[in-house]
Amino acid sequence: MKTAGVSSRTVRFKTGVTVFAQGAPANSVFYLLEGGVKLSVVSTTGKEAVVAMIGPGDFLGEGCLAGQSVRMGMAKAVMTTALLRIPKADMVRMLHEHSDFSDRFIAHMLTRNIRIEEDLVDQLFNSSEKRLARTLLLLARYGQEGTTLRALPKLSQETLAEMVGTTRSRVNFFMNKFRKLGLIEYNGGLKVNSSLLSIVLHD
């Protein structure tokens, strides 16, 4: 991503380090160069809910452009991660002055909104097995133009359970099932095969 004329800078985070905290001032937008980031929200009782997993080529923290003065959730690196930090004022100027960048950002936001709607439908109508399969495919960036299925960042089954909305034991059961069926592979990391889509499409 070209950011000529803006005071953006690359920031790096190790696994488990917080990129921004819930309630912190919202004064910048981040563009993920490499790695992975978990977005979550913590309730007043301390319960954490995973909202999304962000991968290379995605933006995060864009709520500041819509008038949010503080972060509504928390972002944490799930692996060694590099992000481009763009101050809010520079981001606004880029959107006004660079039509190509503006088109790309709008496409990103529309895709994000569609994903949120699909997640809601998924939670309402699909089984935990289908939700897990869909989550794994999304994390592997299945179906995105110019990408191929890849190994997933190291995620605990607890995190997957939070994303899917089920228990860790259920995630463990289905992950073992997927592995035995050859839909996923463990080889120094988790690899998702496109055949996992059969679980999502099966009635």
C-alpha atoms as a PDB file:
ATOM      1  CA  MET A   1       0.000   0.000   0.000  1.00  0.00           C
ATOM      2  CA  LYS A   2       1.442   3.333  -1.043  1.00  0.00           C
ATOM      3  CA  THR A   3       1.199   6.081   1.555  1.00  0.00           C
ATOM      4  CA  ALA A   4       3.235   8.888   0.013  1.00  0.00           C
ATOM      5  CA  GLY A   5       2.841  12.179   1.793  1.00  0.00           C
ATOM      6  CA  VAL A   6       1.613  10.797   5.104  1.00  0.00           C
ATOM      7  CA  SER A   7       3.420  10.327   8.392  1.00  0.00           C
ATOM      8  CA  SER A   8       2.703   6.605   8.636  1.00  0.00           C
ATOM      9  CA  ARG A   9       5.175   4.331  10.351  1.00  0.00           C
ATOM     10  CA  THR A  10       5.632   0.612  10.684  1.00  0.00           C
ATOM     11  CA  VAL A  11       5.093  -0.825  14.162  1.00  0.00           C
ATOM     12  CA  ARG A  12       5.873  -4.394  15.165  1.00  0.00           C
ATOM     13  CA  PHE A  13       4.378  -6.578  17.873  1.00  0.00           C
ATOM     14  CA  LYS A  14       5.350  -9.956  19.268  1.00  0.00           C
ATOM     15  CA  THR A  15       2.810 -12.714  19.861  1.00  0.00           C
ATOM     16  CA  GLY A  16       0.362 -11.817  22.633  1.00  0.00           C
ATOM     17  CA  VAL A  17       1.217  -8.103  22.709  1.00  0.00           C
ATOM     18  CA  THR A  18      -1.693  -5.630  22.670  1.00  0.00           C
ATOM     19  CA  VAL A  19      -1.872  -3.369  19.599  1.00  0.00           C
ATOM     20  CA  PHE A  20      -4.486  -1.152  21.228  1.00  0.00           C
ATOM     21  CA  ALA A  21      -6.608  -1.544  24.341  1.00  0.00           C
ATOM     22  CA  GLN A  22     -10.360  -1.206  24.732  1.00  0.00           C
ATOM     23  CA  GLY A  23     -11.113   2.334  25.907  1.00  0.00           C
ATOM     24  CA  ALA A  24      -7.811   3.763  24.615  1.00  0.00           C
ATOM     25  CA  PRO A  25      -7.899   6.971  22.503  1.00  0.00           C
ATOM     26  CA  ALA A  26      -8.933   6.217  18.915  1.00  0.00           C
ATOM     27  CA  ASN A  27      -6.618   8.440  16.907  1.00  0.00           C
ATOM     28  CA  SER A  28      -5.184   6.235  14.167  1.00  0.00           C
ATOM     29  CA  VAL A  29      -5.931   3.520  11.634  1.00  0.00           C
ATOM     30  CA  PHE A  30      -3.752   0.439  11.154  1.00  0.00           C
ATOM     31  CA  TYR A  31      -3.007  -1.488   7.969  1.00  0.00           C
ATOM     32  CA  LEU A  32      -1.771  -5.039   8.540  1.00  0.00           C
ATOM     33  CA  LEU A  33       1.389  -5.800   6.567  1.00  0.00           C
ATOM     34  CA  GLU A  34       2.176  -9.254   7.950  1.00  0.00           C
ATOM     35  CA  GLY A  35       1.093 -11.479  10.803  1.00  0.00           C
ATOM     36  CA  GLY A  36      -2.316 -11.659  12.457  1.00  0.00           C
ATOM     37  CA  VAL A  37      -4.391  -9.706  14.957  1.00  0.00           C
ATOM     38  CA  LYS A  38      -7.310 -10.797  17.127  1.00  0.00           C
ATOM     39  CA  LEU A  39     -10.073  -8.250  17.696  1.00  0.00           C
ATOM     40  CA  SER A  40     -12.113  -8.769  20.848  1.00  0.00           C
ATOM     41  CA  VAL A  41     -14.444  -6.986  23.237  1.00  0.00           C
ATOM     42  CA  VAL A  42     -14.403  -7.365  27.019  1.00  0.00           C
ATOM     43  CA  SER A  43     -17.649  -7.008  28.992  1.00  0.00           C
ATOM     44  CA  THR A  44     -17.969  -5.171  32.291  1.00  0.00           C
ATOM     45  CA  THR A  45     -17.839  -8.578  34.011  1.00  0.00           C
ATOM     46  CA  GLY A  46     -14.514  -9.384  32.352  1.00  0.00           C
ATOM     47  CA  LYS A  47     -15.783 -11.856  29.750  1.00  0.00           C
ATOM     48  CA  GLU A  48     -13.947 -11.614  26.427  1.00  0.00           C
ATOM     49  CA  ALA A  49     -15.639 -12.233  23.064  1.00  0.00           C
ATOM     50  CA  VAL A  50     -13.589 -12.580  19.878  1.00  0.00           C
ATOM     51  CA  VAL A  51     -15.030 -10.359  17.152  1.00  0.00           C
ATOM     52  CA  ALA A  52     -12.697 -11.081  14.239  1.00  0.00           C
ATOM     53  CA  MET A  53      -9.278 -12.244  13.135  1.00  0.00           C
ATOM     54  CA  ILE A  54      -7.446  -9.708  10.951  1.00  0.00           C
ATOM     55  CA  GLY A  55      -4.902 -10.795   8.334  1.00  0.00           C
ATOM     56  CA  PRO A  56      -2.437  -9.152   5.920  1.00  0.00           C
ATOM     57  CA  GLY A  57      -4.066  -6.552   3.689  1.00  0.00           C
ATOM     58  CA  ASP A  58      -6.791  -5.689   6.208  1.00  0.00           C
ATOM     59  CA  PHE A  59      -7.410  -2.453   8.098  1.00  0.00           C
ATOM     60  CA  LEU A  60      -8.248  -2.146  11.771  1.00  0.00           C
ATOM     61  CA  GLY A  61      -9.062   0.728  14.081  1.00  0.00           C
ATOM     62  CA  GLU A  62     -11.107   2.474  11.382  1.00  0.00           C
ATOM     63  CA  GLY A  63     -13.845   3.303  13.894  1.00  0.00           C
ATOM     64  CA  CYS A  64     -12.039   6.587  14.624  1.00  0.00           C
ATOM     65  CA  LEU A  65     -13.079   7.772  11.142  1.00  0.00           C
ATOM     66  CA  ALA A  66     -16.744   7.391  12.142  1.00  0.00           C
ATOM     67  CA  GLY A  67     -16.431   9.581  15.219  1.00  0.00           C
ATOM     68  CA  GLN A  68     -15.342   7.047  17.831  1.00  0.00           C
ATOM     69  CA  SER A  69     -13.158   8.860  20.344  1.00  0.00           C
ATOM     70  CA  VAL A  70     -12.049   5.674  22.134  1.00  0.00           C
ATOM     71  CA  ARG A  71     -11.451   2.105  20.995  1.00  0.00           C
ATOM     72  CA  MET A  72     -14.591  -0.015  21.299  1.00  0.00           C
ATOM     73  CA  GLY A  73     -12.569  -3.215  21.502  1.00  0.00           C
ATOM     74  CA  MET A  74      -9.070  -4.594  21.949  1.00  0.00           C
ATOM     75  CA  ALA A  75      -6.580  -5.706  19.293  1.00  0.00           C
ATOM     76  CA  LYS A  76      -3.874  -8.245  20.140  1.00  0.00           C
ATOM     77  CA  ALA A  77      -1.200  -9.855  17.956  1.00  0.00           C
ATOM     78  CA  VAL A  78      -1.631 -13.633  17.639  1.00  0.00           C
ATOM     79  CA  MET A  79       1.781 -14.007  15.976  1.00  0.00           C
ATOM     80  CA  THR A  80       4.731 -11.754  15.121  1.00  0.00           C
ATOM     81  CA  THR A  81       2.986  -8.876  13.385  1.00  0.00           C
ATOM     82  CA  ALA A  82       3.878  -5.731  11.434  1.00  0.00           C
ATOM     83  CA  LEU A  83       1.371  -2.928  10.921  1.00  0.00           C
ATOM     84  CA  LEU A  84       1.381   0.458   9.278  1.00  0.00           C
ATOM     85  CA  ARG A  85       0.081   3.073  11.722  1.00  0.00           C
ATOM     86  CA  ILE A  86      -1.658   6.004   9.991  1.00  0.00           C
ATOM     87  CA  PRO A  87      -2.782   9.020  12.055  1.00  0.00           C
ATOM     88  CA  LYS A  88      -6.488   9.799  11.696  1.00  0.00           C
ATOM     89  CA  ALA A  89      -5.909  13.208  10.047  1.00  0.00           C
ATOM     90  CA  ASP A  90      -3.611  11.691   7.420  1.00  0.00           C
ATOM     91  CA  MET A  91      -6.041   8.855   6.768  1.00  0.00           C
ATOM     92  CA  VAL A  92      -8.877  11.331   6.162  1.00  0.00           C
ATOM     93  CA  ARG A  93      -6.702  13.360   3.807  1.00  0.00           C
ATOM     94  CA  MET A  94      -5.669  10.238   1.878  1.00  0.00           C
ATOM     95  CA  LEU A  95      -9.294   9.234   1.422  1.00  0.00           C
ATOM     96  CA  HIS A  96     -10.102  12.681   0.002  1.00  0.00           C
ATOM     97  CA  GLU A  97      -7.046  13.094  -2.216  1.00  0.00           C
ATOM     98  CA  HIS A  98      -6.369   9.587  -3.535  1.00  0.00           C
ATOM     99  CA  SER A  99      -9.329   8.011  -5.325  1.00  0.00           C
ATOM    100  CA  ASP A 100      -7.639   4.623  -5.804  1.00  0.00           C
ATOM    101  CA  PHE A 101      -6.899   4.358  -2.094  1.00  0.00           C
ATOM    102  CA  SER A 102     -10.408   5.550  -1.256  1.00  0.00           C
ATOM    103  CA  ASP A 103     -11.945   2.896  -3.540  1.00  0.00           C
ATOM    104  CA  ARG A 104      -9.845   0.187  -1.902  1.00  0.00           C
ATOM    105  CA  PHE A 105     -10.790   1.299   1.597  1.00  0.00           C
ATOM    106  CA  ILE A 106     -14.496   1.456   0.741  1.00  0.00           C
ATOM    107  CA  ALA A 107     -14.291  -2.053  -0.735  1.00  0.00           C
ATOM    108  CA  HIS A 108     -12.654  -3.195   2.500  1.00  0.00           C
ATOM    109  CA  MET A 109     -15.445  -1.687   4.603  1.00  0.00           C
ATOM    110  CA  LEU A 110     -18.186  -3.210   2.436  1.00  0.00           C
ATOM    111  CA  THR A 111     -16.503  -6.607   2.656  1.00  0.00           C
ATOM    112  CA  ARG A 112     -16.225  -6.235   6.436  1.00  0.00           C
ATOM    113  CA  ASN A 113     -19.933  -5.375   6.724  1.00  0.00           C
ATOM    114  CA  ILE A 114     -20.906  -8.369   4.587  1.00  0.00           C
ATOM    115  CA  ARG A 115     -18.727 -10.581   6.777  1.00  0.00           C
ATOM    116  CA  ILE A 116     -20.442  -9.295   9.920  1.00  0.00           C
ATOM    117  CA  GLU A 117     -23.886 -10.025   8.438  1.00  0.00           C
ATOM    118  CA  GLU A 118     -22.779 -13.512   7.403  1.00  0.00           C
ATOM    119  CA  ASP A 119     -21.372 -14.121  10.890  1.00  0.00           C
ATOM    120  CA  LEU A 120     -24.723 -13.182  12.416  1.00  0.00           C
ATOM    121  CA  VAL A 121     -26.626 -15.541  10.119  1.00  0.00           C
ATOM    122  CA  ASP A 122     -24.041 -18.224  10.843  1.00  0.00           C
ATOM    123  CA  GLN A 123     -24.554 -17.874  14.604  1.00  0.00           C
ATOM    124  CA  LEU A 124     -28.348 -17.914  14.272  1.00  0.00           C
ATOM    125  CA  PHE A 125     -28.872 -20.826  11.916  1.00  0.00           C
ATOM    126  CA  ASN A 126     -25.811 -23.065  11.580  1.00  0.00           C
ATOM    127  CA  SER A 127     -24.478 -25.832  13.787  1.00  0.00           C
ATOM    128  CA  SER A 128     -21.240 -25.383  15.721  1.00  0.00           C
ATOM    129  CA  GLU A 129     -19.558 -27.826  13.313  1.00  0.00           C
ATOM    130  CA  LYS A 130     -20.448 -25.680  10.296  1.00  0.00           C
ATOM    131  CA  ARG A 131     -19.475 -22.497  12.139  1.00  0.00           C
ATOM    132  CA  LEU A 132     -16.060 -23.946  12.970  1.00  0.00           C
ATOM    133  CA  ALA A 133     -15.509 -25.067   9.378  1.00  0.00           C
ATOM    134  CA  ARG A 134     -16.462 -21.635   8.060  1.00  0.00           C
ATOM    135  CA  THR A 135     -14.231 -19.897  10.598  1.00  0.00           C
ATOM    136  CA  LEU A 136     -11.234 -22.024   9.580  1.00  0.00           C
ATOM    137  CA  LEU A 137     -11.851 -21.309   5.889  1.00  0.00           C
ATOM    138  CA  LEU A 138     -12.098 -17.578   6.579  1.00  0.00           C
ATOM    139  CA  LEU A 139      -8.897 -17.625   8.620  1.00  0.00           C
ATOM    140  CA  ALA A 140      -7.193 -19.393   5.719  1.00  0.00           C
ATOM    141  CA  ARG A 141      -8.564 -16.620   3.447  1.00  0.00           C
ATOM    142  CA  TYR A 142     -10.441 -19.103   1.279  1.00  0.00           C
ATOM    143  CA  GLY A 143     -12.042 -17.557  -1.789  1.00  0.00           C
ATOM    144  CA  GLN A 144     -10.205 -14.227  -1.615  1.00  0.00           C
ATOM    145  CA  GLU A 145      -8.883 -13.066  -4.960  1.00  0.00           C
ATOM    146  CA  GLY A 146      -5.157 -13.542  -5.398  1.00  0.00           C
ATOM    147  CA  THR A 147      -4.754 -15.759  -2.336  1.00  0.00           C
ATOM    148  CA  THR A 148      -4.304 -19.471  -1.836  1.00  0.00           C
ATOM    149  CA  LEU A 149      -5.168 -21.555   1.186  1.00  0.00           C
ATOM    150  CA  ARG A 150      -2.387 -21.262   3.713  1.00  0.00           C
ATOM    151  CA  ALA A 151      -1.309 -22.399   7.133  1.00  0.00           C
ATOM    152  CA  LEU A 152      -3.194 -20.650   9.909  1.00  0.00           C
ATOM    153  CA  PRO A 153      -1.582 -18.585  12.644  1.00  0.00           C
ATOM    154  CA  LYS A 154      -1.202 -20.525  15.865  1.00  0.00           C
ATOM    155  CA  LEU A 155      -4.547 -20.273  17.665  1.00  0.00           C
ATOM    156  CA  SER A 156      -5.658 -22.033  20.805  1.00  0.00           C
ATOM    157  CA  GLN A 157      -8.818 -24.099  20.792  1.00  0.00           C
ATOM    158  CA  GLU A 158     -10.133 -21.709  23.435  1.00  0.00           C
ATOM    159  CA  THR A 159      -9.830 -18.824  20.954  1.00  0.00           C
ATOM    160  CA  LEU A 160     -11.530 -20.839  18.216  1.00  0.00           C
ATOM    161  CA  ALA A 161     -14.318 -21.727  20.654  1.00  0.00           C
ATOM    162  CA  GLU A 162     -14.843 -18.030  21.434  1.00  0.00           C
ATOM    163  CA  MET A 163     -15.015 -17.182  17.734  1.00  0.00           C
ATOM    164  CA  VAL A 164     -17.427 -20.007  16.943  1.00  0.00           C
ATOM    165  CA  GLY A 165     -19.587 -19.578  20.029  1.00  0.00           C
ATOM    166  CA  THR A 166     -19.182 -23.053  21.468  1.00  0.00           C
ATOM    167  CA  THR A 167     -17.061 -24.945  24.011  1.00  0.00           C
ATOM    168  CA  ARG A 168     -13.400 -25.945  23.709  1.00  0.00           C
ATOM    169  CA  SER A 169     -14.365 -29.635  24.003  1.00  0.00           C
ATOM    170  CA  ARG A 170     -16.691 -29.314  20.989  1.00  0.00           C
ATOM    171  CA  VAL A 171     -13.960 -27.598  18.995  1.00  0.00           C
ATOM    172  CA  ASN A 172     -11.537 -30.368  19.923  1.00  0.00           C
ATOM    173  CA  PHE A 173     -14.068 -33.024  18.845  1.00  0.00           C
ATOM    174  CA  PHE A 174     -14.696 -31.428  15.441  1.00  0.00           C
ATOM    175  CA  MET A 175     -11.022 -30.633  14.809  1.00  0.00           C
ATOM    176  CA  ASN A 176     -10.187 -34.310  15.333  1.00  0.00           C
ATOM    177  CA  LYS A 177     -13.039 -35.264  13.014  1.00  0.00           C
ATOM    178  CA  PHE A 178     -11.844 -32.849  10.304  1.00  0.00           C
ATOM    179  CA  ARG A 179      -8.293 -34.202  10.607  1.00  0.00           C
ATOM    180  CA  LYS A 180      -9.395 -37.841  10.290  1.00  0.00           C
ATOM    181  CA  LEU A 181     -11.408 -36.919   7.179  1.00  0.00           C
ATOM    182  CA  GLY A 182      -8.356 -35.203   5.655  1.00  0.00           C
ATOM    183  CA  LEU A 183     -10.027 -31.789   5.668  1.00  0.00           C
ATOM    184  CA  ILE A 184      -7.277 -30.229   7.775  1.00  0.00           C
ATOM    185  CA  GLU A 185      -3.655 -31.173   8.411  1.00  0.00           C
ATOM    186  CA  TYR A 186      -1.299 -30.800  11.358  1.00  0.00           C
ATOM    187  CA  ASN A 187       2.311 -30.547  10.221  1.00  0.00           C
ATOM    188  CA  GLY A 188       4.136 -28.006  12.342  1.00  0.00           C
ATOM    189  CA  GLY A 189       1.044 -25.853  11.977  1.00  0.00           C
ATOM    190  CA  LEU A 190      -2.585 -26.079  10.922  1.00  0.00           C
ATOM    191  CA  LYS A 191      -3.314 -26.252   7.200  1.00  0.00           C
ATOM    192  CA  VAL A 192      -6.865 -26.000   5.900  1.00  0.00           C
ATOM    193  CA  ASN A 193      -7.814 -27.876   2.739  1.00  0.00           C
ATOM    194  CA  SER A 194     -10.457 -26.548   0.366  1.00  0.00           C
ATOM    195  CA  SER A 195     -12.373 -29.817   0.845  1.00  0.00           C
ATOM    196  CA  LEU A 196     -13.436 -28.443   4.253  1.00  0.00           C
ATOM    197  CA  LEU A 197     -16.006 -26.435   2.299  1.00  0.00           C
ATOM    198  CA  SER A 198     -18.020 -29.658   2.018  1.00  0.00           C
ATOM    199  CA  ILE A 199     -18.882 -29.368   5.720  1.00  0.00           C
ATOM    200  CA  VAL A 200     -20.225 -25.840   5.221  1.00  0.00           C
ATOM    201  CA  LEU A 201     -22.297 -26.799   2.183  1.00  0.00           C
ATOM    202  CA  HIS A 202     -23.647 -30.059   3.602  1.00  0.00           C
ATOM    203  CA  ASP A 203     -27.287 -29.959   4.694  1.00  0.00           C
END
